[in-house]
């Protein structure tokens, strides 16, 4: 008997603003993603010992561990993993935007981001891996 159930792709949402974290989570859940939400990068790193997301959606400026430190730590701890990263931030700093680009992240989105732009960026990042494409 064939199982027709589709596995929902797991997305880590790493965002220190609770209201925005919940909003992003609802947007993605409505589009068929399974989500795990974290207030900062250290929490997300700890969870990588137990499960691997298909994508990480991360703010840049956060307490404890910012988005750049999160990316660097994942690459150091799990060098063979190739988890797509999408940054979402309210920063207008040219230095931070250039740093995000230099880290080979899939994209950097400005807050507040529209649901369509968010989903398009996530789908683009995931499609390079031939994985799940969310309905828009």
N, C-alpha and C. Protein backbone atom coordinates (compact mmCIF):
# COMPACT_ATOMS: atom_id res chain seq x y z
N UNK A 1 0.84 -1.19 0.00
CA UNK A 1 0.00 0.00 0.00
C UNK A 1 0.88 1.25 0.00
N UNK A 2 0.63 2.14 -0.92
CA UNK A 2 1.45 3.33 -1.07
C UNK A 2 0.95 4.43 -0.13
N UNK A 3 1.89 5.10 0.54
CA UNK A 3 1.56 6.19 1.44
C UNK A 3 1.58 7.49 0.64
N UNK A 4 0.44 8.17 0.55
CA UNK A 4 0.34 9.41 -0.22
C UNK A 4 0.58 10.66 0.61
N UNK A 5 0.93 10.49 1.84
CA UNK A 5 1.18 11.65 2.69
C UNK A 5 2.47 12.35 2.27
N UNK A 6 2.40 13.65 2.16
CA UNK A 6 3.56 14.45 1.82
C UNK A 6 4.16 15.01 3.09
N UNK A 7 5.46 14.90 3.22
CA UNK A 7 6.13 15.45 4.38
C UNK A 7 6.26 16.96 4.21
N UNK A 8 5.84 17.68 5.23
CA UNK A 8 5.96 19.13 5.19
C UNK A 8 7.41 19.50 5.47
N UNK A 9 7.96 20.43 4.70
CA UNK A 9 9.33 20.85 4.95
C UNK A 9 9.42 21.67 6.23
N UNK A 10 10.48 21.42 6.99
CA UNK A 10 10.70 22.12 8.24
C UNK A 10 11.51 23.39 7.99
N UNK A 11 11.01 24.52 8.52
CA UNK A 11 11.70 25.80 8.43
C UNK A 11 11.95 26.29 9.85
N UNK A 12 13.20 26.65 10.12
CA UNK A 12 13.53 27.31 11.39
C UNK A 12 13.32 28.80 11.19
N UNK A 13 12.54 29.41 12.08
CA UNK A 13 12.37 30.86 12.09
C UNK A 13 13.13 31.37 13.31
N UNK A 14 14.15 32.19 13.07
CA UNK A 14 14.99 32.71 14.14
C UNK A 14 14.80 34.23 14.15
N UNK A 15 14.05 34.71 15.12
CA UNK A 15 13.63 36.12 15.17
C UNK A 15 13.38 36.51 16.62
N UNK A 16 14.00 37.59 17.07
CA UNK A 16 13.85 37.98 18.47
C UNK A 16 12.56 38.71 18.78
N UNK A 17 11.92 39.29 17.78
CA UNK A 17 10.65 39.98 18.00
C UNK A 17 9.53 38.93 17.99
N UNK A 18 8.93 38.72 19.14
CA UNK A 18 7.94 37.64 19.28
C UNK A 18 6.75 37.80 18.34
N UNK A 19 6.21 38.99 18.24
CA UNK A 19 5.05 39.21 17.37
C UNK A 19 5.39 38.91 15.91
N UNK A 20 6.55 39.36 15.45
CA UNK A 20 6.95 39.12 14.06
C UNK A 20 7.26 37.65 13.83
N UNK A 21 7.86 37.00 14.82
CA UNK A 21 8.16 35.56 14.74
C UNK A 21 6.86 34.77 14.56
N UNK A 22 5.85 35.12 15.34
CA UNK A 22 4.56 34.43 15.24
C UNK A 22 3.90 34.70 13.90
N UNK A 23 3.97 35.95 13.44
CA UNK A 23 3.39 36.29 12.14
C UNK A 23 4.05 35.49 11.02
N UNK A 24 5.37 35.44 11.01
CA UNK A 24 6.08 34.66 9.99
C UNK A 24 5.68 33.19 10.07
N UNK A 25 5.57 32.68 11.28
CA UNK A 25 5.18 31.28 11.47
C UNK A 25 3.80 30.99 10.90
N UNK A 26 2.87 31.87 11.15
CA UNK A 26 1.51 31.67 10.62
C UNK A 26 1.48 31.71 9.10
N UNK A 27 2.21 32.64 8.53
CA UNK A 27 2.27 32.73 7.07
C UNK A 27 2.78 31.42 6.48
N UNK A 28 3.85 30.90 7.05
CA UNK A 28 4.45 29.67 6.51
C UNK A 28 3.59 28.44 6.78
N UNK A 29 3.00 28.36 7.96
CA UNK A 29 2.13 27.21 8.26
C UNK A 29 0.93 27.17 7.31
N UNK A 30 0.36 28.32 6.99
CA UNK A 30 -0.78 28.36 6.07
C UNK A 30 -0.38 27.91 4.66
N UNK A 31 0.91 27.99 4.35
CA UNK A 31 1.40 27.59 3.04
C UNK A 31 1.98 26.18 3.05
N UNK A 32 1.77 25.44 4.13
CA UNK A 32 2.14 24.03 4.14
C UNK A 32 3.49 23.70 4.74
N UNK A 33 4.12 24.64 5.39
CA UNK A 33 5.40 24.37 6.04
C UNK A 33 5.19 23.97 7.49
N UNK A 34 6.10 23.17 7.99
CA UNK A 34 6.19 22.90 9.42
C UNK A 34 7.26 23.87 9.93
N UNK A 35 7.01 24.49 11.06
CA UNK A 35 7.94 25.50 11.54
C UNK A 35 8.39 25.21 12.97
N UNK A 36 9.56 25.70 13.27
CA UNK A 36 10.07 25.75 14.64
C UNK A 36 10.58 27.17 14.81
N UNK A 37 10.20 27.80 15.92
CA UNK A 37 10.55 29.20 16.14
C UNK A 37 11.53 29.35 17.30
N UNK A 38 12.49 30.27 17.10
CA UNK A 38 13.53 30.51 18.09
C UNK A 38 13.74 32.00 18.27
N UNK A 39 14.03 32.40 19.50
CA UNK A 39 14.25 33.81 19.82
C UNK A 39 15.63 34.30 19.40
N UNK A 40 16.59 33.39 19.34
CA UNK A 40 17.94 33.76 18.92
C UNK A 40 18.66 32.53 18.38
N UNK A 41 19.84 32.78 17.82
CA UNK A 41 20.60 31.74 17.14
C UNK A 41 21.03 30.57 18.01
N UNK A 42 21.36 30.81 19.25
CA UNK A 42 21.81 29.71 20.12
C UNK A 42 20.75 28.63 20.26
N UNK A 43 19.50 29.06 20.38
CA UNK A 43 18.41 28.09 20.49
C UNK A 43 18.31 27.23 19.23
N UNK A 44 18.46 27.86 18.08
CA UNK A 44 18.39 27.13 16.82
C UNK A 44 19.55 26.15 16.68
N UNK A 45 20.75 26.57 17.07
CA UNK A 45 21.93 25.69 17.01
C UNK A 45 21.70 24.45 17.86
N UNK A 46 21.17 24.63 19.06
CA UNK A 46 20.91 23.49 19.95
C UNK A 46 19.94 22.50 19.31
N UNK A 47 18.94 22.99 18.60
CA UNK A 47 17.95 22.11 17.98
C UNK A 47 18.52 21.34 16.80
N UNK A 48 19.57 21.85 16.16
CA UNK A 48 20.18 21.15 15.03
C UNK A 48 20.74 19.78 15.42
N UNK A 49 20.97 19.59 16.70
CA UNK A 49 21.42 18.26 17.15
C UNK A 49 20.30 17.23 17.06
N UNK A 50 19.05 17.68 16.91
CA UNK A 50 17.90 16.79 16.92
C UNK A 50 17.13 16.73 15.60
N UNK A 51 17.15 17.82 14.85
CA UNK A 51 16.44 17.82 13.57
C UNK A 51 17.07 18.84 12.63
N UNK A 52 16.93 18.59 11.34
CA UNK A 52 17.53 19.44 10.32
C UNK A 52 16.43 20.10 9.49
N UNK A 53 16.42 21.42 9.45
CA UNK A 53 15.42 22.11 8.63
C UNK A 53 15.81 22.09 7.16
N UNK A 54 14.83 22.32 6.32
CA UNK A 54 15.08 22.48 4.89
C UNK A 54 15.58 23.89 4.59
N UNK A 55 15.27 24.84 5.52
CA UNK A 55 15.64 26.23 5.32
C UNK A 55 15.65 26.93 6.68
N UNK A 56 16.50 27.96 6.80
CA UNK A 56 16.53 28.80 7.99
C UNK A 56 16.19 30.22 7.57
N UNK A 57 15.14 30.77 8.18
CA UNK A 57 14.74 32.15 8.00
C UNK A 57 15.18 32.89 9.25
N UNK A 58 16.12 33.81 9.11
CA UNK A 58 16.74 34.42 10.28
C UNK A 58 16.83 35.94 10.20
N UNK A 59 16.54 36.57 11.34
CA UNK A 59 16.83 37.99 11.52
C UNK A 59 18.34 38.11 11.60
N UNK A 60 18.85 39.32 11.47
CA UNK A 60 20.29 39.54 11.62
C UNK A 60 20.61 40.01 13.03
N UNK A 61 19.94 41.05 13.48
CA UNK A 61 20.25 41.64 14.78
C UNK A 61 19.39 41.00 15.87
N UNK A 62 20.04 40.17 16.71
CA UNK A 62 19.35 39.47 17.80
C UNK A 62 20.29 39.38 19.00
N UNK A 63 19.72 39.19 20.19
CA UNK A 63 20.57 39.00 21.37
C UNK A 63 21.20 37.60 21.37
N UNK A 64 22.20 37.43 22.17
CA UNK A 64 22.90 36.14 22.37
C UNK A 64 23.72 35.69 21.17
N UNK A 65 23.09 35.57 20.02
CA UNK A 65 23.78 35.16 18.80
C UNK A 65 23.03 35.75 17.62
N UNK A 66 23.69 36.62 16.86
CA UNK A 66 22.99 37.23 15.73
C UNK A 66 22.95 36.28 14.53
N UNK A 67 22.27 36.72 13.48
CA UNK A 67 22.10 35.87 12.31
C UNK A 67 23.39 35.49 11.61
N UNK A 68 24.37 36.41 11.60
CA UNK A 68 25.66 36.10 10.99
C UNK A 68 26.42 35.05 11.81
N UNK A 69 26.39 35.21 13.11
CA UNK A 69 27.05 34.23 13.99
C UNK A 69 26.38 32.87 13.86
N UNK A 70 25.07 32.86 13.72
CA UNK A 70 24.34 31.60 13.53
C UNK A 70 24.82 30.90 12.27
N UNK A 71 24.87 31.62 11.16
CA UNK A 71 25.33 31.05 9.90
C UNK A 71 26.74 30.50 10.02
N UNK A 72 27.64 31.29 10.61
CA UNK A 72 29.03 30.89 10.77
C UNK A 72 29.17 29.66 11.66
N UNK A 73 28.41 29.62 12.75
CA UNK A 73 28.47 28.48 13.67
C UNK A 73 27.94 27.20 13.02
N UNK A 74 26.89 27.31 12.24
CA UNK A 74 26.36 26.13 11.55
C UNK A 74 27.39 25.61 10.56
N UNK A 75 28.02 26.50 9.81
CA UNK A 75 29.03 26.07 8.84
C UNK A 75 30.23 25.42 9.54
N UNK A 76 30.56 25.91 10.73
CA UNK A 76 31.69 25.36 11.47
C UNK A 76 31.33 24.00 12.10
N UNK A 77 30.15 23.91 12.70
CA UNK A 77 29.74 22.68 13.38
C UNK A 77 29.29 21.58 12.43
N UNK A 78 28.67 21.97 11.34
CA UNK A 78 28.10 21.01 10.38
C UNK A 78 28.59 21.36 8.97
N UNK A 79 29.87 21.18 8.69
CA UNK A 79 30.43 21.63 7.41
C UNK A 79 29.81 20.97 6.18
N UNK A 80 29.23 19.79 6.32
CA UNK A 80 28.66 19.10 5.16
C UNK A 80 27.21 19.49 4.90
N UNK A 81 26.60 20.21 5.84
CA UNK A 81 25.21 20.65 5.64
C UNK A 81 25.16 21.82 4.68
N UNK A 82 24.12 21.82 3.87
CA UNK A 82 23.92 22.95 2.96
C UNK A 82 22.48 23.45 3.13
N UNK A 83 22.20 23.99 4.30
CA UNK A 83 20.86 24.48 4.59
C UNK A 83 20.74 25.90 4.02
N UNK A 84 19.77 26.13 3.13
CA UNK A 84 19.59 27.48 2.61
C UNK A 84 19.23 28.46 3.73
N UNK A 85 19.77 29.64 3.65
CA UNK A 85 19.55 30.71 4.62
C UNK A 85 18.86 31.87 3.91
N UNK A 86 17.80 32.39 4.50
CA UNK A 86 17.17 33.61 4.03
C UNK A 86 17.16 34.57 5.21
N UNK A 87 17.80 35.71 5.03
CA UNK A 87 17.80 36.72 6.08
C UNK A 87 16.61 37.65 5.90
N UNK A 88 16.05 38.06 7.03
CA UNK A 88 14.97 39.03 7.03
C UNK A 88 15.32 40.03 8.11
N UNK A 89 15.46 41.30 7.74
CA UNK A 89 15.96 42.26 8.71
C UNK A 89 15.46 43.67 8.41
N UNK A 90 15.44 44.48 9.44
CA UNK A 90 15.07 45.89 9.28
C UNK A 90 16.31 46.76 9.08
N UNK A 91 17.47 46.15 9.01
CA UNK A 91 18.71 46.92 8.87
C UNK A 91 18.78 47.62 7.52
N UNK A 92 19.35 48.79 7.55
CA UNK A 92 19.63 49.52 6.31
C UNK A 92 21.14 49.71 6.14
N UNK A 93 21.90 49.08 7.03
CA UNK A 93 23.34 49.19 7.02
C UNK A 93 23.92 48.52 5.77
N UNK A 94 24.62 49.29 4.98
CA UNK A 94 25.26 48.75 3.78
C UNK A 94 26.24 47.65 4.16
N UNK A 95 26.95 47.82 5.27
CA UNK A 95 27.93 46.82 5.71
C UNK A 95 27.24 45.49 6.00
N UNK A 96 26.11 45.52 6.67
CA UNK A 96 25.41 44.27 6.99
C UNK A 96 24.79 43.62 5.75
N UNK A 97 24.28 44.44 4.86
CA UNK A 97 23.73 43.90 3.62
C UNK A 97 24.83 43.23 2.80
N UNK A 98 26.00 43.87 2.72
CA UNK A 98 27.13 43.28 1.99
C UNK A 98 27.61 41.99 2.67
N UNK A 99 27.60 41.99 3.99
CA UNK A 99 28.03 40.78 4.71
C UNK A 99 27.07 39.63 4.43
N UNK A 100 25.77 39.91 4.44
CA UNK A 100 24.78 38.86 4.14
C UNK A 100 25.02 38.30 2.75
N UNK A 101 25.30 39.17 1.81
CA UNK A 101 25.56 38.74 0.44
C UNK A 101 26.84 37.91 0.35
N UNK A 102 27.87 38.33 1.08
CA UNK A 102 29.15 37.62 1.04
C UNK A 102 29.08 36.23 1.66
N UNK A 103 28.12 36.00 2.53
CA UNK A 103 27.98 34.69 3.16
C UNK A 103 27.26 33.68 2.27
N UNK A 104 26.92 34.10 1.07
CA UNK A 104 26.23 33.24 0.11
C UNK A 104 24.86 32.80 0.62
N UNK A 105 24.19 33.69 1.32
CA UNK A 105 22.82 33.39 1.71
C UNK A 105 21.94 33.46 0.47
N UNK A 106 20.79 32.84 0.53
CA UNK A 106 19.92 32.80 -0.65
C UNK A 106 19.32 34.17 -0.95
N UNK A 107 18.93 34.90 0.10
CA UNK A 107 18.43 36.25 -0.12
C UNK A 107 18.35 37.00 1.20
N UNK A 108 18.18 38.30 1.08
CA UNK A 108 17.99 39.14 2.25
C UNK A 108 16.77 40.00 1.99
N UNK A 109 15.80 39.89 2.87
CA UNK A 109 14.54 40.60 2.71
C UNK A 109 14.42 41.69 3.77
N UNK A 110 13.84 42.81 3.38
CA UNK A 110 13.66 43.94 4.30
C UNK A 110 12.32 43.81 5.02
N UNK A 111 12.36 44.07 6.34
CA UNK A 111 11.12 44.09 7.13
C UNK A 111 10.43 45.43 6.92
N UNK A 112 9.14 45.45 6.89
CA UNK A 112 8.24 44.30 6.87
C UNK A 112 8.20 43.71 5.46
N UNK A 113 8.14 42.42 5.37
CA UNK A 113 8.15 41.75 4.08
C UNK A 113 6.73 41.28 3.75
N UNK A 114 6.37 41.38 2.50
CA UNK A 114 5.05 40.90 2.08
C UNK A 114 5.07 39.37 2.06
N UNK A 115 3.94 38.75 2.36
CA UNK A 115 3.88 37.28 2.31
C UNK A 115 4.30 36.71 0.95
N UNK A 116 3.89 37.37 -0.14
CA UNK A 116 4.25 36.87 -1.47
C UNK A 116 5.76 36.90 -1.72
N UNK A 117 6.41 38.00 -1.34
CA UNK A 117 7.86 38.10 -1.51
C UNK A 117 8.57 37.08 -0.62
N UNK A 118 8.10 36.91 0.60
CA UNK A 118 8.67 35.92 1.51
C UNK A 118 8.59 34.53 0.90
N UNK A 119 7.41 34.15 0.45
CA UNK A 119 7.22 32.81 -0.11
C UNK A 119 7.99 32.63 -1.41
N UNK A 120 8.06 33.65 -2.23
CA UNK A 120 8.85 33.55 -3.47
C UNK A 120 10.32 33.31 -3.15
N UNK A 121 10.85 34.02 -2.16
CA UNK A 121 12.26 33.85 -1.77
C UNK A 121 12.51 32.46 -1.20
N UNK A 122 11.60 31.98 -0.37
CA UNK A 122 11.74 30.64 0.21
C UNK A 122 11.66 29.58 -0.89
N UNK A 123 10.69 29.72 -1.78
CA UNK A 123 10.56 28.75 -2.88
C UNK A 123 11.79 28.74 -3.78
N UNK A 124 12.34 29.91 -4.04
CA UNK A 124 13.55 29.99 -4.86
C UNK A 124 14.71 29.27 -4.18
N UNK A 125 14.85 29.47 -2.88
CA UNK A 125 15.92 28.82 -2.13
C UNK A 125 15.73 27.31 -2.12
N UNK A 126 14.50 26.86 -1.94
CA UNK A 126 14.23 25.42 -1.87
C UNK A 126 14.25 24.76 -3.24
N UNK A 127 13.88 25.47 -4.28
CA UNK A 127 13.81 24.85 -5.61
C UNK A 127 15.19 24.49 -6.14
N UNK A 128 16.22 25.18 -5.67
CA UNK A 128 17.57 24.83 -6.10
C UNK A 128 17.98 23.47 -5.54
N UNK A 129 17.21 23.02 -4.57
CA UNK A 129 17.47 21.73 -3.94
C UNK A 129 16.48 20.67 -4.42
N UNK A 130 15.59 21.07 -5.38
CA UNK A 130 14.53 20.20 -5.87
C UNK A 130 13.64 19.67 -4.74
N UNK A 131 13.30 20.55 -3.83
CA UNK A 131 12.45 20.15 -2.72
C UNK A 131 11.08 20.79 -2.86
N UNK A 132 10.41 20.88 -1.77
CA UNK A 132 9.05 21.37 -1.67
C UNK A 132 8.88 22.78 -2.22
N UNK A 133 7.79 23.02 -2.91
CA UNK A 133 7.42 24.35 -3.36
C UNK A 133 6.07 24.68 -2.73
N UNK A 134 6.01 25.78 -2.00
CA UNK A 134 4.78 26.16 -1.30
C UNK A 134 3.81 26.83 -2.27
N UNK A 135 2.52 26.66 -1.98
CA UNK A 135 1.49 27.34 -2.74
C UNK A 135 1.44 28.80 -2.36
N UNK A 136 1.28 29.65 -3.35
CA UNK A 136 1.22 31.09 -3.06
C UNK A 136 -0.21 31.57 -3.19
